[in-house]
Amino acid sequence: MNNRVEGVVKLQRLVWWFIGVWVCMASIPGHAEMVTNLYQQSELVVGQGVEERRQATAKALASVLVRVSGQPQALNYPEVKAALANPDSYMEAFRYESGNETLERDGEQVPATTVVLNFSQISVENLLRQSGLPLWPANRPSVLVWLVTDDLNAGRQMVSLQDNPELADAIKGEARERGLPLVVPLMDLEDQVSLNANDLWNLDQSAIASASTRYKPDAVLIGRYSQTSSGRWISAWTLLHKSNRQVFDSEGDTDTVLLREAVNSTSDYLADIYGINHRNVASDAVVMDIEPVGEFSDYVKVLSYLEGLAVVRELNLLALEGNQVRVNLFMDGDISQLKGALDLDRRLIPVMTTSSGGNVNMPETLAPQGSEQNPLRYSWSG
């Protein structure tokens, strides 16, 4: 072993030894939204008997599985159906909470109690793997929602969710069920100056982008809706995510139905992008170069951060040279999902370089991205 390789091996061992001591102390704040309570669900019950709780547990587990997989059709899988028939094996704890809620029984409203159920993250994720279902990690893109309505009498008006509690409850409640981080505009003077109803209705992307900048969302959802003379509500939705535009329509008896459907369509679209599909596990490692990592604390933070990504199954340190670290990442997913996770957090910024060190827009080699000859190159933001 030459001196350079021997030095790298010794430093690698030293880094991993210190990680065991420091990993609990390393704090890595992220820019993306971390959705909490993905594995917790509340249900209303009339009594506290075993059978009623079991039914509530099955209903709650179904909600958790859709939220964590990002796939409403998950409930049709045979393995999931079997799990819902025995939901208690996935539950870690439960508690009852009193309130003013009611449930309809035999045509009348009766007092109800809330049962809060916590499910095992390990058991739920194992079920998804066994079923061949994806896992949508808690690190999820935030979605800013702009709404505009066209009224026969009042004309076009921007909709403030702060002034429409029924609409706000509908869209926020559905977002909680799907684990989708929503951002609601303040609709203050700044918003009103930078954006108007006609801008939204005509999908003026320049005005929408300018008004959205203050909220720093990962995606923007624009909803345009109106009520027909027959009383039906119709809507057209546009989701702007990176350089992509997704369009979908919905209609219903109420405007709240439109908002719930829009949240579900948005969740389905984003889950397909960011969900980790265990059926398509990458067979080869992805090589990544990261800099600058000159301080020892930077090494600890970078490696701990990468290991904490849901898409990363295993990390190997390959080399340390100057202020650059090279790693091998073995993933539960593909390279696009890794890039998507990094793009959400913005802790690592992609860099393209030539052999002479200058920045370019095209890779310098035809070798596959993430290979040793053409590693992914990222700059650590600290």
Protein backbone atom coordinates (compact mmCIF):
# COMPACT_ATOMS: atom_id res chain seq x y z
CA MET A 1 0.00 0.00 0.00
CA ASN A 2 1.49 3.36 -1.02
CA ASN A 3 1.66 6.27 1.42
CA ARG A 4 -1.25 8.18 -0.18
CA VAL A 5 -3.68 5.25 -0.04
CA GLU A 6 -2.55 4.33 3.49
CA GLY A 7 -3.18 7.91 4.60
CA VAL A 8 -6.68 7.87 3.13
CA VAL A 9 -7.50 4.57 4.90
CA LYS A 10 -6.27 5.87 8.26
CA LEU A 11 -8.24 9.09 7.91
CA GLN A 12 -11.32 7.13 6.84
CA ARG A 13 -11.11 5.03 10.01
CA LEU A 14 -10.65 8.15 12.11
CA VAL A 15 -13.68 9.85 10.57
CA TRP A 16 -15.93 6.86 11.14
CA TRP A 17 -14.72 6.48 14.73
CA PHE A 18 -15.58 10.10 15.50
CA ILE A 19 -18.94 9.85 13.74
CA GLY A 20 -20.00 7.28 16.33
CA VAL A 21 -19.30 9.86 19.03
CA TRP A 22 -20.53 12.98 17.30
CA VAL A 23 -23.51 11.79 15.25
CA CYS A 24 -25.99 12.59 18.00
CA MET A 25 -24.60 16.11 18.26
CA ALA A 26 -24.60 16.93 14.57
CA SER A 27 -27.44 19.25 13.69
CA ILE A 28 -28.21 19.61 10.02
CA PRO A 29 -31.07 22.04 9.39
CA GLY A 30 -32.88 21.50 6.10
CA HIS A 31 -34.74 23.83 3.76
CA ALA A 32 -37.39 21.34 2.68
CA GLU A 33 -40.54 20.66 4.67
CA MET A 34 -40.28 17.75 7.09
CA VAL A 35 -43.78 16.36 7.55
CA THR A 36 -44.42 15.29 11.14
CA ASN A 37 -46.74 12.58 12.46
CA LEU A 38 -46.77 10.59 9.23
CA TYR A 39 -47.39 7.44 11.26
CA GLN A 40 -50.05 8.90 13.55
CA GLN A 41 -53.77 9.07 12.80
CA SER A 42 -56.83 10.17 14.77
CA GLU A 43 -60.30 8.68 14.41
CA LEU A 44 -63.66 9.40 16.05
CA VAL A 45 -65.34 6.62 18.04
CA VAL A 46 -68.55 6.48 20.06
CA GLY A 47 -67.30 4.01 22.65
CA GLN A 48 -64.00 2.67 23.91
CA GLY A 49 -64.69 -1.02 23.41
CA VAL A 50 -62.17 -3.37 21.81
CA GLU A 51 -64.14 -3.99 18.61
CA GLU A 52 -64.81 -0.32 17.92
CA ARG A 53 -61.15 0.48 18.52
CA ARG A 54 -60.10 -2.32 16.17
CA GLN A 55 -62.29 -0.88 13.42
CA ALA A 56 -60.84 2.57 14.05
CA THR A 57 -57.33 1.08 13.96
CA ALA A 58 -57.95 -0.51 10.55
CA LYS A 59 -59.30 2.78 9.19
CA ALA A 60 -56.35 4.71 10.63
CA LEU A 61 -53.79 2.24 9.27
CA ALA A 62 -55.33 2.59 5.80
CA SER A 63 -54.87 6.37 6.01
CA VAL A 64 -51.26 6.00 7.15
CA LEU A 65 -50.42 3.58 4.32
CA VAL A 66 -51.79 5.97 1.68
CA ARG A 67 -49.96 8.90 3.27
CA VAL A 68 -46.59 7.14 3.54
CA SER A 69 -46.71 5.41 0.15
CA GLY A 70 -48.30 8.36 -1.64
CA GLN A 71 -50.48 5.82 -3.48
CA PRO A 72 -54.28 5.70 -2.88
CA GLN A 73 -54.38 2.41 -4.81
CA ALA A 74 -52.17 0.87 -2.12
CA LEU A 75 -55.33 -0.32 -0.35
CA ASN A 76 -56.03 -2.69 -3.26
CA TYR A 77 -52.83 -4.70 -2.77
CA PRO A 78 -53.33 -8.22 -1.27
CA GLU A 79 -50.61 -7.73 1.37
CA VAL A 80 -52.21 -4.47 2.48
CA LYS A 81 -55.67 -6.01 2.65
CA ALA A 82 -54.26 -8.75 4.88
CA ALA A 83 -52.62 -6.15 7.13
CA LEU A 84 -55.87 -4.20 7.46
CA ALA A 85 -57.57 -7.39 8.63
CA ASN A 86 -55.05 -7.54 11.51
CA PRO A 87 -54.20 -3.87 12.16
CA ASP A 88 -53.27 -4.18 15.84
CA SER A 89 -49.94 -5.80 14.95
CA TYR A 90 -48.85 -2.51 13.35
CA MET A 91 -49.93 -0.29 16.23
CA GLU A 92 -47.47 0.93 18.86
CA ALA A 93 -49.73 2.93 21.15
CA PHE A 94 -53.11 4.63 21.40
CA ARG A 95 -54.86 7.14 23.62
CA TYR A 96 -58.29 8.69 23.93
CA GLU A 97 -58.98 12.43 23.90
CA SER A 98 -62.23 14.12 24.83
CA GLY A 99 -63.76 16.96 22.83
CA ASN A 100 -66.99 18.33 21.41
CA GLU A 101 -67.09 16.07 18.35
CA THR A 102 -70.11 14.01 17.35
CA LEU A 103 -70.79 11.09 15.04
CA GLU A 104 -73.96 10.16 13.22
CA ARG A 105 -75.52 6.94 14.47
CA ASP A 106 -78.96 5.72 13.39
CA GLY A 107 -79.78 9.08 11.85
CA GLU A 108 -78.81 11.25 14.83
CA GLN A 109 -75.68 12.92 16.15
CA VAL A 110 -74.18 11.34 19.27
CA PRO A 111 -71.15 12.43 21.37
CA ALA A 112 -67.85 10.98 20.18
CA THR A 113 -64.31 10.55 21.48
CA THR A 114 -61.08 10.85 19.52
CA VAL A 115 -58.71 7.89 19.55
CA VAL A 116 -55.14 8.80 18.58
CA LEU A 117 -53.22 5.85 17.14
CA ASN A 118 -49.46 5.63 16.62
CA PHE A 119 -48.14 3.02 14.20
CA SER A 120 -44.71 1.43 13.99
CA GLN A 121 -42.62 3.11 11.30
CA ILE A 122 -40.50 -0.01 10.82
CA SER A 123 -43.53 -2.30 10.47
CA VAL A 124 -45.32 0.03 8.04
CA GLU A 125 -42.24 0.46 5.84
CA ASN A 126 -41.61 -3.30 5.85
CA LEU A 127 -45.19 -3.81 4.68
CA LEU A 128 -44.65 -1.37 1.83
CA ARG A 129 -41.48 -3.22 0.77
CA GLN A 130 -43.20 -6.59 0.90
CA SER A 131 -46.07 -5.22 -1.17
CA GLY A 132 -43.77 -3.64 -3.74
CA LEU A 133 -45.14 -0.21 -2.87
CA PRO A 134 -43.03 2.97 -2.83
CA LEU A 135 -42.04 4.95 0.24
CA TRP A 136 -42.53 8.72 0.14
CA PRO A 137 -40.11 10.08 2.80
CA ALA A 138 -41.10 12.76 5.29
CA ASN A 139 -38.92 15.27 3.42
CA ARG A 140 -41.50 16.63 0.99
CA PRO A 141 -41.85 19.60 -1.38
CA SER A 142 -43.88 22.55 -0.15
CA VAL A 143 -46.75 23.72 -2.37
CA LEU A 144 -47.96 27.32 -2.50
CA VAL A 145 -51.66 27.62 -3.41
CA TRP A 146 -53.14 30.56 -5.31
CA LEU A 147 -56.92 30.58 -5.86
CA VAL A 148 -59.08 32.71 -8.13
CA THR A 149 -62.82 32.48 -8.82
CA ASP A 150 -64.94 33.86 -11.63
CA ASP A 151 -68.35 34.87 -10.31
CA LEU A 152 -71.27 35.72 -12.59
CA ASN A 153 -72.06 38.84 -10.55
CA ALA A 154 -68.79 39.87 -8.86
CA GLY A 155 -66.43 38.91 -11.67
CA ARG A 156 -62.93 37.52 -11.08
CA GLN A 157 -61.63 37.66 -7.54
CA MET A 158 -58.61 36.24 -5.76
CA VAL A 159 -59.66 33.93 -2.93
CA SER A 160 -58.24 34.40 0.56
CA LEU A 161 -58.31 31.22 2.63
CA GLN A 162 -57.97 33.36 5.75
CA ASP A 163 -61.39 34.83 4.95
CA ASN A 164 -62.93 31.47 3.93
CA PRO A 165 -62.61 29.08 6.89
CA GLU A 166 -64.69 26.37 5.22
CA LEU A 167 -62.42 26.30 2.18
CA ALA A 168 -59.34 26.51 4.40
CA ASP A 169 -60.48 23.54 6.51
CA ALA A 170 -61.17 21.50 3.38
CA ILE A 171 -57.82 22.05 1.68
CA LYS A 172 -55.71 21.94 4.85
CA GLY A 173 -57.50 18.85 6.14
CA GLU A 174 -56.95 16.97 2.89
CA ALA A 175 -53.31 18.09 2.84
CA ARG A 176 -52.82 16.68 6.36
CA GLU A 177 -54.35 13.39 5.27
CA ARG A 178 -51.94 13.13 2.33
CA GLY A 179 -48.92 14.56 4.15
CA LEU A 180 -48.59 17.44 1.68
CA PRO A 181 -46.97 20.63 3.04
CA LEU A 182 -49.17 23.52 1.94
CA VAL A 183 -48.21 27.18 1.95
CA VAL A 184 -51.13 29.64 2.10
CA PRO A 185 -50.54 33.19 0.81
CA LEU A 186 -51.02 35.96 3.33
CA MET A 187 -53.07 37.97 0.83
CA ASP A 188 -51.73 41.14 2.39
CA LEU A 189 -50.93 44.39 0.61
CA GLU A 190 -47.69 42.98 -0.84
CA ASP A 191 -49.53 40.06 -2.42
CA GLN A 192 -52.29 42.28 -3.75
CA VAL A 193 -49.81 44.68 -5.34
CA SER A 194 -47.72 41.97 -6.99
CA LEU A 195 -50.59 39.79 -8.24
CA ASN A 196 -54.19 40.30 -9.26
CA ALA A 197 -57.14 38.12 -10.26
CA ASN A 198 -56.58 38.57 -14.00
CA ASP A 199 -52.91 37.56 -13.66
CA LEU A 200 -53.99 34.32 -12.02
CA TRP A 201 -56.88 33.60 -14.37
CA ASN A 202 -54.67 34.19 -17.43
CA LEU A 203 -51.80 32.20 -15.87
CA ASP A 204 -49.31 35.04 -16.14
CA GLN A 205 -46.30 33.00 -15.07
CA SER A 206 -44.04 36.03 -14.71
CA ALA A 207 -46.42 37.73 -12.25
CA ILE A 208 -47.14 34.46 -10.43
CA ALA A 209 -43.44 33.66 -10.08
CA SER A 210 -42.67 37.16 -8.81
CA ALA A 211 -45.46 37.06 -6.20
CA SER A 212 -44.51 33.53 -5.12
CA THR A 213 -40.84 34.33 -4.48
CA ARG A 214 -41.42 35.62 -0.95
CA TYR A 215 -42.80 32.21 0.13
CA LYS A 216 -39.92 30.14 -1.33
CA PRO A 217 -42.11 27.17 -2.29
CA ASP A 218 -40.93 24.05 -4.11
CA ALA A 219 -44.07 24.07 -6.28
CA VAL A 220 -46.95 26.43 -7.05
CA LEU A 221 -50.55 25.31 -7.50
CA ILE A 222 -52.98 27.69 -9.24
CA GLY A 223 -56.69 26.95 -8.95
CA ARG A 224 -59.25 28.67 -11.21
CA TYR A 225 -62.86 27.80 -10.53
CA SER A 226 -66.43 29.00 -11.03
CA GLN A 227 -70.04 27.96 -10.49
CA THR A 228 -72.27 27.21 -13.45
CA SER A 229 -75.88 28.36 -13.78
CA SER A 230 -76.97 24.84 -12.79
CA GLY A 231 -75.09 25.11 -9.49
CA ARG A 232 -72.22 22.78 -10.40
CA TRP A 233 -68.65 23.85 -9.62
CA ILE A 234 -65.94 23.43 -12.26
CA SER A 235 -62.21 24.10 -11.96
CA ALA A 236 -58.92 24.03 -13.86
CA TRP A 237 -55.69 23.51 -11.93
CA THR A 238 -52.11 24.17 -12.95
CA LEU A 239 -49.18 22.83 -10.95
CA LEU A 240 -45.81 24.46 -11.60
CA HIS A 241 -42.94 22.30 -10.37
CA LYS A 242 -39.39 23.07 -11.48
CA SER A 243 -39.62 23.41 -15.27
CA ASN A 244 -42.73 21.23 -15.54
CA ARG A 245 -46.39 22.18 -15.82
CA GLN A 246 -49.07 19.71 -14.79
CA VAL A 247 -52.71 20.47 -15.66
CA PHE A 248 -55.84 18.75 -14.33
CA ASP A 249 -59.55 19.52 -14.05
CA SER A 250 -62.20 18.72 -11.46
CA GLU A 251 -65.85 19.38 -10.83
CA GLY A 252 -68.29 18.79 -8.00
CA ASP A 253 -71.36 19.87 -6.10
CA THR A 254 -69.35 22.21 -3.82
CA ASP A 255 -66.18 24.26 -4.08
CA THR A 256 -64.69 22.32 -1.15
CA VAL A 257 -64.85 19.15 -3.27
CA LEU A 258 -62.74 20.87 -5.93
CA LEU A 259 -60.04 21.74 -3.43
CA ARG A 260 -59.87 18.24 -1.97
CA GLU A 261 -59.54 16.69 -5.42
CA ALA A 262 -56.82 19.18 -6.32
CA VAL A 263 -54.80 18.25 -3.22
CA ASN A 264 -55.09 14.57 -4.06
CA SER A 265 -54.05 15.08 -7.68
CA THR A 266 -51.08 17.18 -6.56
CA SER A 267 -50.05 14.59 -3.99
CA ASP A 268 -50.28 11.78 -6.53
CA TYR A 269 -48.07 13.68 -8.97
CA LEU A 270 -45.37 14.60 -6.44
CA ALA A 271 -45.39 11.16 -4.82
CA ASP A 272 -44.63 9.59 -8.20
CA ILE A 273 -41.58 11.84 -8.47
CA TYR A 274 -40.20 11.64 -4.93
CA GLY A 275 -41.42 8.22 -3.81
CA ILE A 276 -38.72 5.55 -3.46
CA ASN A 277 -39.74 2.42 -5.33
CA HIS A 278 -38.06 -0.62 -3.80
CA ARG A 279 -38.86 -2.70 -6.86
CA ASN A 280 -36.36 -0.65 -8.85
CA VAL A 281 -33.37 -0.78 -6.53
CA ALA A 282 -30.18 0.43 -8.17
CA SER A 283 -27.64 -2.36 -8.52
CA ASP A 284 -24.54 -0.15 -8.69
CA ALA A 285 -23.27 2.52 -6.38
CA VAL A 286 -23.37 6.20 -7.25
CA VAL A 287 -20.07 8.03 -6.89
CA MET A 288 -20.24 11.58 -5.56
CA ASP A 289 -17.60 14.28 -5.00
CA ILE A 290 -18.37 16.95 -2.39
CA GLU A 291 -16.49 20.12 -1.50
CA PRO A 292 -15.53 22.20 0.37
CA VAL A 293 -15.22 20.00 3.45
CA GLY A 294 -12.00 21.31 4.92
CA GLU A 295 -12.97 21.18 8.60
CA PHE A 296 -13.45 17.90 10.45
CA SER A 297 -16.91 19.01 11.55
CA ASP A 298 -17.83 19.36 7.86
CA TYR A 299 -16.90 15.72 7.22
CA VAL A 300 -19.14 14.64 10.07
CA LYS A 301 -22.07 16.74 8.88
CA VAL A 302 -21.78 15.75 5.22
CA LEU A 303 -21.55 12.02 5.87
CA SER A 304 -24.26 12.06 8.53
CA TYR A 305 -26.53 14.05 6.24
CA LEU A 306 -26.10 11.63 3.32
CA GLU A 307 -26.63 8.60 5.53
CA GLY A 308 -29.84 10.13 6.83
CA LEU A 309 -31.44 10.36 3.37
CA ALA A 310 -34.22 7.82 2.94
CA VAL A 311 -33.02 6.99 -0.58
CA VAL A 312 -29.52 6.07 0.67
CA ARG A 313 -29.19 2.51 1.93
CA GLU A 314 -25.44 2.48 2.55
CA LEU A 315 -22.52 4.90 2.28
CA ASN A 316 -18.84 4.13 1.78
CA LEU A 317 -16.08 6.73 2.03
CA LEU A 318 -13.72 6.36 -0.95
CA ALA A 319 -11.24 9.19 -0.67
CA LEU A 320 -10.33 12.39 1.14
CA GLU A 321 -8.10 14.79 -0.72
CA GLY A 322 -7.64 18.43 0.14
CA ASN A 323 -11.09 19.84 0.87
CA GLN A 324 -12.90 17.25 -1.27
CA VAL A 325 -14.53 13.99 -0.17
CA ARG A 326 -15.55 11.16 -2.53
CA VAL A 327 -18.24 8.67 -1.48
CA ASN A 328 -20.06 5.64 -2.85
CA LEU A 329 -23.82 5.71 -2.28
CA PHE A 330 -25.83 2.49 -2.47
CA MET A 331 -29.48 3.44 -2.91
CA ASP A 332 -33.05 2.22 -2.54
CA GLY A 333 -34.05 4.01 -5.72
CA ASP A 334 -32.38 5.60 -8.71
CA ILE A 335 -30.11 8.55 -9.33
CA SER A 336 -33.00 10.89 -10.21
CA GLN A 337 -34.57 10.27 -6.80
CA LEU A 338 -31.27 11.04 -5.11
CA LYS A 339 -31.02 14.29 -7.05
CA GLY A 340 -34.61 15.13 -6.17
CA ALA A 341 -33.97 14.64 -2.44
CA LEU A 342 -30.84 16.79 -2.58
CA ASP A 343 -32.64 19.47 -4.54
CA LEU A 344 -35.37 19.67 -1.90
CA ASP A 345 -32.92 20.19 0.96
CA ARG A 346 -30.52 22.50 -0.89
CA ARG A 347 -27.72 21.47 1.47
CA LEU A 348 -25.73 20.15 -1.47
CA ILE A 349 -25.66 22.30 -4.62
CA PRO A 350 -24.88 20.60 -7.97
CA VAL A 351 -21.66 21.72 -9.68
CA MET A 352 -20.48 20.88 -13.19
CA THR A 353 -16.74 21.23 -13.86
CA THR A 354 -14.25 20.59 -16.64
CA SER A 355 -10.88 18.98 -16.21
CA SER A 356 -9.40 22.46 -15.99
CA GLY A 357 -11.77 23.42 -13.19
CA GLY A 358 -14.00 25.82 -15.12
CA ASN A 359 -17.78 25.69 -14.81
CA VAL A 360 -19.69 24.35 -17.81
CA ASN A 361 -23.22 23.36 -18.67
CA MET A 362 -22.36 19.94 -20.12
CA PRO A 363 -20.54 17.00 -18.53
CA GLU A 364 -16.97 16.52 -19.68
CA THR A 365 -17.35 12.80 -20.37
CA LEU A 366 -19.79 10.39 -21.94
CA ALA A 367 -19.42 8.02 -19.00
CA PRO A 368 -22.70 7.43 -17.07
CA GLN A 369 -23.54 10.02 -14.44
CA GLY A 370 -22.56 8.85 -11.00
CA SER A 371 -19.80 6.57 -12.27
CA GLU A 372 -16.19 6.84 -11.12
CA GLN A 373 -15.28 8.48 -14.43
CA ASN A 374 -18.18 10.96 -14.22
CA PRO A 375 -19.09 11.40 -10.53
CA LEU A 376 -21.87 13.62 -9.31
CA ARG A 377 -20.29 16.87 -8.11
CA TYR A 378 -21.82 18.88 -5.31
CA SER A 379 -20.88 21.89 -3.22
CA TRP A 380 -21.62 21.68 0.51
CA SER A 381 -23.56 24.72 1.73
CA GLY A 382 -22.65 24.18 5.39
